[in-house]
Amino acid sequence: MAKCIDRWLCVLLLALCAPVQAQLRLLTEDAPPMSFMREGEPSGLAVEVVRALLARTGDTGQIELMPWTRALYLAQQQEDIALFSTVRTAEREDRFQWVGPIVVGTTSFYSLKSRNLVIDTLAQAAASGPLALPKQWYTFETLSAKGFTNLYGVPSSKQMMTMLKHGRVNLIATEDLTLAGELAAVDLKPQDVTAHVPFMRSAYYIAFSPQTSVVRVVRWQRALQQMHEDGSLAAILKRWLPHAPMPPIAP
């Protein structure tokens, strides 16, 4: 009996002495329907998933919307920072610790329907004239690696869409998940554009800074797996993107 009491006292002391984990900074950008501001509060599919994971893990955190370039930089510099939703690529693999995927999407080229362009191959897209893309997007990295020399780097998705709307570029490349929101920012609709050559399947993750505790990252991944198993992740996807497929369960 005495040994049992001593054991529980040791456990209690360890719990009391354990360091309190810092509040997380959860960085995202304006990219409906994944993340955006609604009535002064962050909202969107990815925001809802992150809030559910905060509740399940017992962590505290502040969700902040900021330009993607700044968020990407901060998320590689300090501990207890997470960037979402981030496409996991080979180039980014070692820069972060990954929790996900939370959703999957398809990247295609798009042109204004009024231009009547016919583009059926990557080679045709590469020879089609200027193609606008935000410089910090994984798509820019990917197409550059494929030898595209017609990329026109811009600072934001809104500028990309503005250039398309006014005919300054022939093509853009973006995800089907965010297309409608990006077009709406410049008063366009999905029916105003033509999709060409789906060329990439992308998985979106929550990317934790490399300095963040591995224990915390594993706890988040386990909580996400629980959301898979109990159907809560599927319910969130159905509310925001009814036709999106369920992402796979990562180990």
C-alpha atoms as a PDB file:
ATOM      1  CA  MET A   1       0.000   0.000   0.000  1.00  0.00           C
ATOM      2  CA  ALA A   2       2.830   2.393   0.923  1.00  0.00           C
ATOM      3  CA  LYS A   3       4.585   1.634  -2.385  1.00  0.00           C
ATOM      4  CA  CYS A   4       1.361   2.403  -4.300  1.00  0.00           C
ATOM      5  CA  ILE A   5       0.987   5.750  -2.521  1.00  0.00           C
ATOM      6  CA  ASP A   6       4.638   6.597  -3.223  1.00  0.00           C
ATOM      7  CA  ARG A   7       4.151   5.785  -6.899  1.00  0.00           C
ATOM      8  CA  TRP A   8       1.130   8.066  -7.211  1.00  0.00           C
ATOM      9  CA  LEU A   9       2.974  10.850  -5.375  1.00  0.00           C
ATOM     10  CA  CYS A  10       5.791  10.577  -7.926  1.00  0.00           C
ATOM     11  CA  VAL A  11       3.286  10.804 -10.796  1.00  0.00           C
ATOM     12  CA  LEU A  12       1.661  13.858  -9.207  1.00  0.00           C
ATOM     13  CA  LEU A  13       5.015  15.585  -8.699  1.00  0.00           C
ATOM     14  CA  LEU A  14       6.035  14.916 -12.292  1.00  0.00           C
ATOM     15  CA  ALA A  15       2.741  16.379 -13.513  1.00  0.00           C
ATOM     16  CA  LEU A  16       3.181  19.470 -11.364  1.00  0.00           C
ATOM     17  CA  CYS A  17       6.772  19.951 -12.506  1.00  0.00           C
ATOM     18  CA  ALA A  18       6.063  19.379 -16.203  1.00  0.00           C
ATOM     19  CA  PRO A  19       6.484  22.528 -18.272  1.00  0.00           C
ATOM     20  CA  VAL A  20       3.307  24.243 -19.393  1.00  0.00           C
ATOM     21  CA  GLN A  21       3.162  24.213 -23.185  1.00  0.00           C
ATOM     22  CA  ALA A  22       3.047  27.608 -24.794  1.00  0.00           C
ATOM     23  CA  GLN A  23       0.033  28.877 -26.688  1.00  0.00           C
ATOM     24  CA  LEU A  24       0.205  28.100 -30.375  1.00  0.00           C
ATOM     25  CA  ARG A  25       0.242  30.665 -33.149  1.00  0.00           C
ATOM     26  CA  LEU A  26      -1.849  29.224 -35.975  1.00  0.00           C
ATOM     27  CA  LEU A  27      -1.161  31.129 -39.185  1.00  0.00           C
ATOM     28  CA  THR A  28      -3.262  31.057 -42.322  1.00  0.00           C
ATOM     29  CA  GLU A  29      -4.184  33.258 -45.282  1.00  0.00           C
ATOM     30  CA  ASP A  30      -7.335  34.605 -46.905  1.00  0.00           C
ATOM     31  CA  ALA A  31      -8.276  31.647 -49.133  1.00  0.00           C
ATOM     32  CA  PRO A  32     -12.007  30.849 -49.091  1.00  0.00           C
ATOM     33  CA  PRO A  33     -13.454  28.357 -48.377  1.00  0.00           C
ATOM     34  CA  MET A  34     -10.404  27.051 -46.491  1.00  0.00           C
ATOM     35  CA  SER A  35      -9.800  30.180 -44.409  1.00  0.00           C
ATOM     36  CA  PHE A  36     -11.150  33.729 -44.450  1.00  0.00           C
ATOM     37  CA  MET A  37     -12.562  36.435 -42.185  1.00  0.00           C
ATOM     38  CA  ARG A  38     -16.302  36.486 -41.477  1.00  0.00           C
ATOM     39  CA  GLU A  39     -17.680  39.272 -39.287  1.00  0.00           C
ATOM     40  CA  GLY A  40     -14.244  39.880 -37.840  1.00  0.00           C
ATOM     41  CA  GLU A  41     -13.549  36.226 -36.976  1.00  0.00           C
ATOM     42  CA  PRO A  42     -11.532  33.559 -38.827  1.00  0.00           C
ATOM     43  CA  SER A  43     -13.794  31.079 -40.568  1.00  0.00           C
ATOM     44  CA  GLY A  44     -13.616  28.324 -43.171  1.00  0.00           C
ATOM     45  CA  LEU A  45     -13.133  24.595 -43.565  1.00  0.00           C
ATOM     46  CA  ALA A  46      -9.524  24.508 -42.376  1.00  0.00           C
ATOM     47  CA  VAL A  47     -10.251  26.924 -39.534  1.00  0.00           C
ATOM     48  CA  GLU A  48     -13.049  24.657 -38.315  1.00  0.00           C
ATOM     49  CA  VAL A  49     -10.750  21.625 -38.418  1.00  0.00           C
ATOM     50  CA  VAL A  50      -8.026  23.476 -36.487  1.00  0.00           C
ATOM     51  CA  ARG A  51     -10.496  24.619 -33.823  1.00  0.00           C
ATOM     52  CA  ALA A  52     -11.750  21.057 -33.423  1.00  0.00           C
ATOM     53  CA  LEU A  53      -8.173  19.840 -32.986  1.00  0.00           C
ATOM     54  CA  LEU A  54      -7.471  22.523 -30.387  1.00  0.00           C
ATOM     55  CA  ALA A  55     -10.470  21.317 -28.410  1.00  0.00           C
ATOM     56  CA  ARG A  56      -9.467  17.656 -28.676  1.00  0.00           C
ATOM     57  CA  THR A  57      -5.821  18.168 -27.737  1.00  0.00           C
ATOM     58  CA  GLY A  58      -6.503  20.656 -24.948  1.00  0.00           C
ATOM     59  CA  ASP A  59      -4.024  23.097 -26.489  1.00  0.00           C
ATOM     60  CA  THR A  60      -4.668  26.817 -26.694  1.00  0.00           C
ATOM     61  CA  GLY A  61      -3.917  28.862 -29.772  1.00  0.00           C
ATOM     62  CA  GLN A  62      -4.570  32.060 -31.669  1.00  0.00           C
ATOM     63  CA  ILE A  63      -5.611  31.827 -35.333  1.00  0.00           C
ATOM     64  CA  GLU A  64      -4.167  34.677 -37.382  1.00  0.00           C
ATOM     65  CA  LEU A  65      -4.761  35.617 -41.021  1.00  0.00           C
ATOM     66  CA  MET A  66      -1.798  37.218 -42.779  1.00  0.00           C
ATOM     67  CA  PRO A  67      -0.097  37.282 -46.193  1.00  0.00           C
ATOM     68  CA  TRP A  68       1.138  33.812 -47.083  1.00  0.00           C
ATOM     69  CA  THR A  69       4.761  34.873 -47.634  1.00  0.00           C
ATOM     70  CA  ARG A  70       5.050  36.250 -44.102  1.00  0.00           C
ATOM     71  CA  ALA A  71       3.247  33.260 -42.572  1.00  0.00           C
ATOM     72  CA  LEU A  72       5.526  30.841 -44.421  1.00  0.00           C
ATOM     73  CA  TYR A  73       8.588  32.666 -43.124  1.00  0.00           C
ATOM     74  CA  LEU A  74       7.417  32.819 -39.497  1.00  0.00           C
ATOM     75  CA  ALA A  75       6.445  29.168 -39.446  1.00  0.00           C
ATOM     76  CA  GLN A  76      10.047  28.159 -40.095  1.00  0.00           C
ATOM     77  CA  GLN A  77      11.623  30.452 -37.487  1.00  0.00           C
ATOM     78  CA  GLN A  78      10.007  29.878 -34.104  1.00  0.00           C
ATOM     79  CA  GLU A  79       8.591  27.040 -32.003  1.00  0.00           C
ATOM     80  CA  ASP A  80       4.873  26.511 -31.426  1.00  0.00           C
ATOM     81  CA  ILE A  81       3.828  27.966 -34.772  1.00  0.00           C
ATOM     82  CA  ALA A  82       1.650  26.094 -37.267  1.00  0.00           C
ATOM     83  CA  LEU A  83       0.833  27.060 -40.845  1.00  0.00           C
ATOM     84  CA  PHE A  84      -2.364  25.907 -42.521  1.00  0.00           C
ATOM     85  CA  SER A  85      -3.487  24.772 -44.969  1.00  0.00           C
ATOM     86  CA  THR A  86      -0.139  23.845 -46.498  1.00  0.00           C
ATOM     87  CA  VAL A  87       0.420  21.571 -49.468  1.00  0.00           C
ATOM     88  CA  ARG A  88       3.038  18.965 -48.607  1.00  0.00           C
ATOM     89  CA  THR A  89       5.714  18.791 -51.288  1.00  0.00           C
ATOM     90  CA  ALA A  90       9.164  17.235 -51.555  1.00  0.00           C
ATOM     91  CA  GLU A  91      10.738  20.698 -51.406  1.00  0.00           C
ATOM     92  CA  ARG A  92       8.942  21.522 -48.146  1.00  0.00           C
ATOM     93  CA  GLU A  93       9.205  18.103 -46.505  1.00  0.00           C
ATOM     94  CA  ASP A  94      12.139  18.833 -44.196  1.00  0.00           C
ATOM     95  CA  ARG A  95      11.071  22.392 -43.351  1.00  0.00           C
ATOM     96  CA  PHE A  96       8.097  21.387 -41.188  1.00  0.00           C
ATOM     97  CA  GLN A  97       6.469  18.716 -39.067  1.00  0.00           C
ATOM     98  CA  TRP A  98       3.262  17.569 -40.696  1.00  0.00           C
ATOM     99  CA  VAL A  99      -0.250  16.885 -39.392  1.00  0.00           C
ATOM    100  CA  GLY A 100      -2.782  15.733 -41.956  1.00  0.00           C
ATOM    101  CA  PRO A 101      -3.934  15.587 -44.565  1.00  0.00           C
ATOM    102  CA  ILE A 102      -7.138  17.463 -43.814  1.00  0.00           C
ATOM    103  CA  VAL A 103      -8.353  17.728 -47.424  1.00  0.00           C
ATOM    104  CA  VAL A 104      -7.177  16.885 -50.937  1.00  0.00           C
ATOM    105  CA  GLY A 105      -7.627  18.869 -54.137  1.00  0.00           C
ATOM    106  CA  THR A 106      -6.671  19.002 -57.805  1.00  0.00           C
ATOM    107  CA  THR A 107      -4.629  21.716 -59.515  1.00  0.00           C
ATOM    108  CA  SER A 108      -5.459  22.669 -63.102  1.00  0.00           C
ATOM    109  CA  PHE A 109      -4.778  25.482 -65.517  1.00  0.00           C
ATOM    110  CA  TYR A 110      -7.602  27.976 -66.122  1.00  0.00           C
ATOM    111  CA  SER A 111      -8.276  30.559 -68.816  1.00  0.00           C
ATOM    112  CA  LEU A 112     -11.080  33.017 -69.455  1.00  0.00           C
ATOM    113  CA  LYS A 113     -13.836  31.211 -71.328  1.00  0.00           C
ATOM    114  CA  SER A 114     -14.106  34.175 -73.703  1.00  0.00           C
ATOM    115  CA  ARG A 115     -10.555  33.499 -74.952  1.00  0.00           C
ATOM    116  CA  ASN A 116     -11.615  30.115 -76.388  1.00  0.00           C
ATOM    117  CA  LEU A 117      -8.218  28.576 -75.668  1.00  0.00           C
ATOM    118  CA  VAL A 118      -7.619  24.884 -76.304  1.00  0.00           C
ATOM    119  CA  ILE A 119      -4.893  23.460 -74.069  1.00  0.00           C
ATOM    120  CA  ASP A 120      -4.711  19.704 -73.666  1.00  0.00           C
ATOM    121  CA  THR A 121      -1.122  19.069 -72.585  1.00  0.00           C
ATOM    122  CA  LEU A 122       1.537  20.489 -70.284  1.00  0.00           C
ATOM    123  CA  ALA A 123       3.625  21.337 -73.340  1.00  0.00           C
ATOM    124  CA  GLN A 124       0.807  23.478 -74.726  1.00  0.00           C
ATOM    125  CA  ALA A 125       0.416  25.226 -71.374  1.00  0.00           C
ATOM    126  CA  ALA A 126       4.149  25.940 -71.275  1.00  0.00           C
ATOM    127  CA  ALA A 127       3.945  27.492 -74.748  1.00  0.00           C
ATOM    128  CA  SER A 128       0.680  29.396 -74.235  1.00  0.00           C
ATOM    129  CA  GLY A 129       2.100  32.770 -73.239  1.00  0.00           C
ATOM    130  CA  PRO A 130       2.369  34.326 -69.767  1.00  0.00           C
ATOM    131  CA  LEU A 131       1.002  32.228 -66.902  1.00  0.00           C
ATOM    132  CA  ALA A 132       0.392  34.061 -63.610  1.00  0.00           C
ATOM    133  CA  LEU A 133       1.153  32.417 -60.262  1.00  0.00           C
ATOM    134  CA  PRO A 134       2.010  33.644 -56.764  1.00  0.00           C
ATOM    135  CA  LYS A 135       5.759  33.163 -56.367  1.00  0.00           C
ATOM    136  CA  GLN A 136       5.444  31.521 -52.949  1.00  0.00           C
ATOM    137  CA  TRP A 137       2.965  28.847 -54.062  1.00  0.00           C
ATOM    138  CA  TYR A 138       4.114  25.244 -54.366  1.00  0.00           C
ATOM    139  CA  THR A 139       2.646  25.298 -57.891  1.00  0.00           C
ATOM    140  CA  PHE A 140       5.226  27.888 -58.937  1.00  0.00           C
ATOM    141  CA  GLU A 141       7.993  25.625 -57.607  1.00  0.00           C
ATOM    142  CA  THR A 142       6.545  22.576 -59.328  1.00  0.00           C
ATOM    143  CA  LEU A 143       6.064  24.140 -62.751  1.00  0.00           C
ATOM    144  CA  SER A 144       9.488  25.787 -62.602  1.00  0.00           C
ATOM    145  CA  ALA A 145      10.982  22.351 -61.947  1.00  0.00           C
ATOM    146  CA  LYS A 146       9.089  21.031 -64.976  1.00  0.00           C
ATOM    147  CA  GLY A 147      10.826  23.596 -67.179  1.00  0.00           C
ATOM    148  CA  PHE A 148       8.061  26.200 -67.540  1.00  0.00           C
ATOM    149  CA  THR A 149       9.687  29.462 -68.612  1.00  0.00           C
ATOM    150  CA  ASN A 150       6.446  31.427 -69.065  1.00  0.00           C
ATOM    151  CA  LEU A 151       5.637  31.866 -65.361  1.00  0.00           C
ATOM    152  CA  TYR A 152       4.704  35.385 -64.294  1.00  0.00           C
ATOM    153  CA  GLY A 153       5.308  35.642 -60.548  1.00  0.00           C
ATOM    154  CA  VAL A 154       2.843  37.742 -58.534  1.00  0.00           C
ATOM    155  CA  PRO A 155       2.524  38.404 -54.784  1.00  0.00           C
ATOM    156  CA  SER A 156      -1.034  37.129 -54.238  1.00  0.00           C
ATOM    157  CA  SER A 157      -3.878  35.061 -55.654  1.00  0.00           C
ATOM    158  CA  LYS A 158      -5.986  38.206 -56.035  1.00  0.00           C
ATOM    159  CA  GLN A 159      -3.395  39.791 -58.310  1.00  0.00           C
ATOM    160  CA  MET A 160      -3.226  36.546 -60.274  1.00  0.00           C
ATOM    161  CA  MET A 161      -6.980  36.681 -60.838  1.00  0.00           C
ATOM    162  CA  THR A 162      -6.904  40.398 -61.635  1.00  0.00           C
ATOM    163  CA  MET A 163      -4.342  39.791 -64.371  1.00  0.00           C
ATOM    164  CA  LEU A 164      -6.461  36.978 -65.805  1.00  0.00           C
ATOM    165  CA  LYS A 165      -9.625  39.104 -65.751  1.00  0.00           C
ATOM    166  CA  HIS A 166      -7.994  41.958 -67.637  1.00  0.00           C
ATOM    167  CA  GLY A 167      -6.267  39.759 -70.190  1.00  0.00           C
ATOM    168  CA  ARG A 168      -2.729  40.452 -69.041  1.00  0.00           C
ATOM    169  CA  VAL A 169      -2.047  36.715 -68.884  1.00  0.00           C
ATOM    170  CA  ASN A 170      -3.554  33.795 -70.775  1.00  0.00           C
ATOM    171  CA  LEU A 171      -3.504  31.243 -67.984  1.00  0.00           C
ATOM    172  CA  ILE A 172      -3.400  30.770 -64.241  1.00  0.00           C
ATOM    173  CA  ALA A 173      -3.024  27.583 -62.211  1.00  0.00           C
ATOM    174  CA  THR A 174      -4.916  26.946 -58.999  1.00  0.00           C
ATOM    175  CA  GLU A 175      -6.780  24.403 -56.871  1.00  0.00           C
ATOM    176  CA  ASP A 176     -10.362  23.382 -57.497  1.00  0.00           C
ATOM    177  CA  LEU A 177     -10.948  23.808 -53.747  1.00  0.00           C
ATOM    178  CA  THR A 178     -10.211  27.541 -53.734  1.00  0.00           C
ATOM    179  CA  LEU A 179     -11.105  28.508 -57.314  1.00  0.00           C
ATOM    180  CA  ALA A 180     -14.567  29.955 -56.620  1.00  0.00           C
ATOM    181  CA  GLY A 181     -13.349  32.138 -53.746  1.00  0.00           C
ATOM    182  CA  GLU A 182     -10.375  33.427 -55.710  1.00  0.00           C
ATOM    183  CA  LEU A 183     -12.584  34.304 -58.678  1.00  0.00           C
ATOM    184  CA  ALA A 184     -15.141  36.036 -56.448  1.00  0.00           C
ATOM    185  CA  ALA A 185     -12.420  38.392 -55.193  1.00  0.00           C
ATOM    186  CA  VAL A 186     -12.363  39.953 -58.682  1.00  0.00           C
ATOM    187  CA  ASP A 187     -16.096  39.582 -59.448  1.00  0.00           C
ATOM    188  CA  LEU A 188     -15.748  36.492 -61.605  1.00  0.00           C
ATOM    189  CA  LYS A 189     -17.529  33.140 -61.327  1.00  0.00           C
ATOM    190  CA  PRO A 190     -16.455  29.550 -62.122  1.00  0.00           C
ATOM    191  CA  GLN A 191     -18.592  29.625 -65.270  1.00  0.00           C
ATOM    192  CA  ASP A 192     -16.426  32.502 -66.565  1.00  0.00           C
ATOM    193  CA  VAL A 193     -13.362  30.264 -66.883  1.00  0.00           C
ATOM    194  CA  THR A 194     -12.353  27.065 -68.664  1.00  0.00           C
ATOM    195  CA  ALA A 195     -10.351  24.352 -66.927  1.00  0.00           C
ATOM    196  CA  HIS A 196      -7.416  22.768 -68.758  1.00  0.00           C
ATOM    197  CA  VAL A 197      -5.170  19.807 -67.940  1.00  0.00           C
ATOM    198  CA  PRO A 198      -5.552  18.720 -64.313  1.00  0.00           C
ATOM    199  CA  PHE A 199      -1.887  18.099 -63.553  1.00  0.00           C
ATOM    200  CA  MET A 200      -1.485  17.666 -59.805  1.00  0.00           C
ATOM    201  CA  ARG A 201      -3.256  16.045 -56.881  1.00  0.00           C
ATOM    202  CA  SER A 202      -2.453  17.907 -53.688  1.00  0.00           C
ATOM    203  CA  ALA A 203      -2.873  17.075 -50.016  1.00  0.00           C
ATOM    204  CA  TYR A 204      -3.324  19.929 -47.542  1.00  0.00           C
ATOM    205  CA  TYR A 205      -1.721  19.690 -44.103  1.00  0.00           C
ATOM    206  CA  ILE A 206      -1.140  21.650 -40.909  1.00  0.00           C
ATOM    207  CA  ALA A 207       2.594  22.387 -40.969  1.00  0.00           C
ATOM    208  CA  PHE A 208       4.234  22.820 -37.560  1.00  0.00           C
ATOM    209  CA  SER A 209       7.524  24.662 -37.208  1.00  0.00           C
ATOM    210  CA  PRO A 210      10.538  22.322 -36.868  1.00  0.00           C
ATOM    211  CA  GLN A 211      11.257  23.695 -33.371  1.00  0.00           C
ATOM    212  CA  THR A 212       7.839  22.608 -32.040  1.00  0.00           C
ATOM    213  CA  SER A 213       7.729  19.656 -29.638  1.00  0.00           C
ATOM    214  CA  VAL A 214       7.336  16.330 -31.423  1.00  0.00           C
ATOM    215  CA  VAL A 215       5.019  15.252 -28.587  1.00  0.00           C
ATOM    216  CA  ARG A 216       2.644  18.079 -29.460  1.00  0.00           C
ATOM    217  CA  VAL A 217       2.715  17.245 -33.180  1.00  0.00           C
ATOM    218  CA  VAL A 218       2.002  13.553 -32.527  1.00  0.00           C
ATOM    219  CA  ARG A 219      -0.894  14.515 -30.248  1.00  0.00           C
ATOM    220  CA  TRP A 220      -2.428  16.573 -33.061  1.00  0.00           C
ATOM    221  CA  GLN A 221      -2.025  13.765 -35.589  1.00  0.00           C
ATOM    222  CA  ARG A 222      -3.726  11.317 -33.232  1.00  0.00           C
ATOM    223  CA  ALA A 223      -6.569  13.764 -32.658  1.00  0.00           C
ATOM    224  CA  LEU A 224      -7.023  14.107 -36.419  1.00  0.00           C
ATOM    225  CA  GLN A 225      -7.158  10.335 -36.762  1.00  0.00           C
ATOM    226  CA  GLN A 226      -9.898  10.290 -34.144  1.00  0.00           C
ATOM    227  CA  MET A 227     -11.822  12.828 -36.257  1.00  0.00           C
ATOM    228  CA  HIS A 228     -11.542  10.414 -39.180  1.00  0.00           C
ATOM    229  CA  GLU A 229     -12.787   7.522 -37.096  1.00  0.00           C
ATOM    230  CA  ASP A 230     -15.757   9.254 -35.473  1.00  0.00           C
ATOM    231  CA  GLY A 231     -16.964  10.971 -38.643  1.00  0.00           C
ATOM    232  CA  SER A 232     -16.449  14.554 -37.465  1.00  0.00           C
ATOM    233  CA  LEU A 233     -13.928  15.351 -40.223  1.00  0.00           C
ATOM    234  CA  ALA A 234     -16.338  14.036 -42.863  1.00  0.00           C
ATOM    235  CA  ALA A 235     -19.094  16.243 -41.417  1.00  0.00           C
ATOM    236  CA  ILE A 236     -16.902  19.365 -41.703  1.00  0.00           C
ATOM    237  CA  LEU A 237     -15.975  18.536 -45.297  1.00  0.00           C
ATOM    238  CA  LYS A 238     -19.626  17.969 -46.189  1.00  0.00           C
ATOM    239  CA  ARG A 239     -20.591  21.402 -44.842  1.00  0.00           C
ATOM    240  CA  TRP A 240     -17.923  23.292 -46.790  1.00  0.00           C
ATOM    241  CA  LEU A 241     -17.106  21.128 -49.824  1.00  0.00           C
ATOM    242  CA  PRO A 242     -19.866  18.543 -50.334  1.00  0.00           C
ATOM    243  CA  HIS A 243     -18.174  16.942 -53.354  1.00  0.00           C
ATOM    244  CA  ALA A 244     -14.627  16.794 -51.959  1.00  0.00           C
ATOM    245  CA  PRO A 245     -13.274  13.292 -51.348  1.00  0.00           C
ATOM    246  CA  MET A 246     -12.174  12.244 -47.890  1.00  0.00           C
ATOM    247  CA  PRO A 247      -8.416  12.518 -47.445  1.00  0.00           C
ATOM    248  CA  PRO A 248      -6.458   9.386 -46.575  1.00  0.00           C
ATOM    249  CA  ILE A 249      -5.514   8.664 -42.983  1.00  0.00           C
ATOM    250  CA  ALA A 250      -1.806   9.311 -42.552  1.00  0.00           C
ATOM    251  CA  PRO A 251       0.180   7.159 -40.129  1.00  0.00           C
END
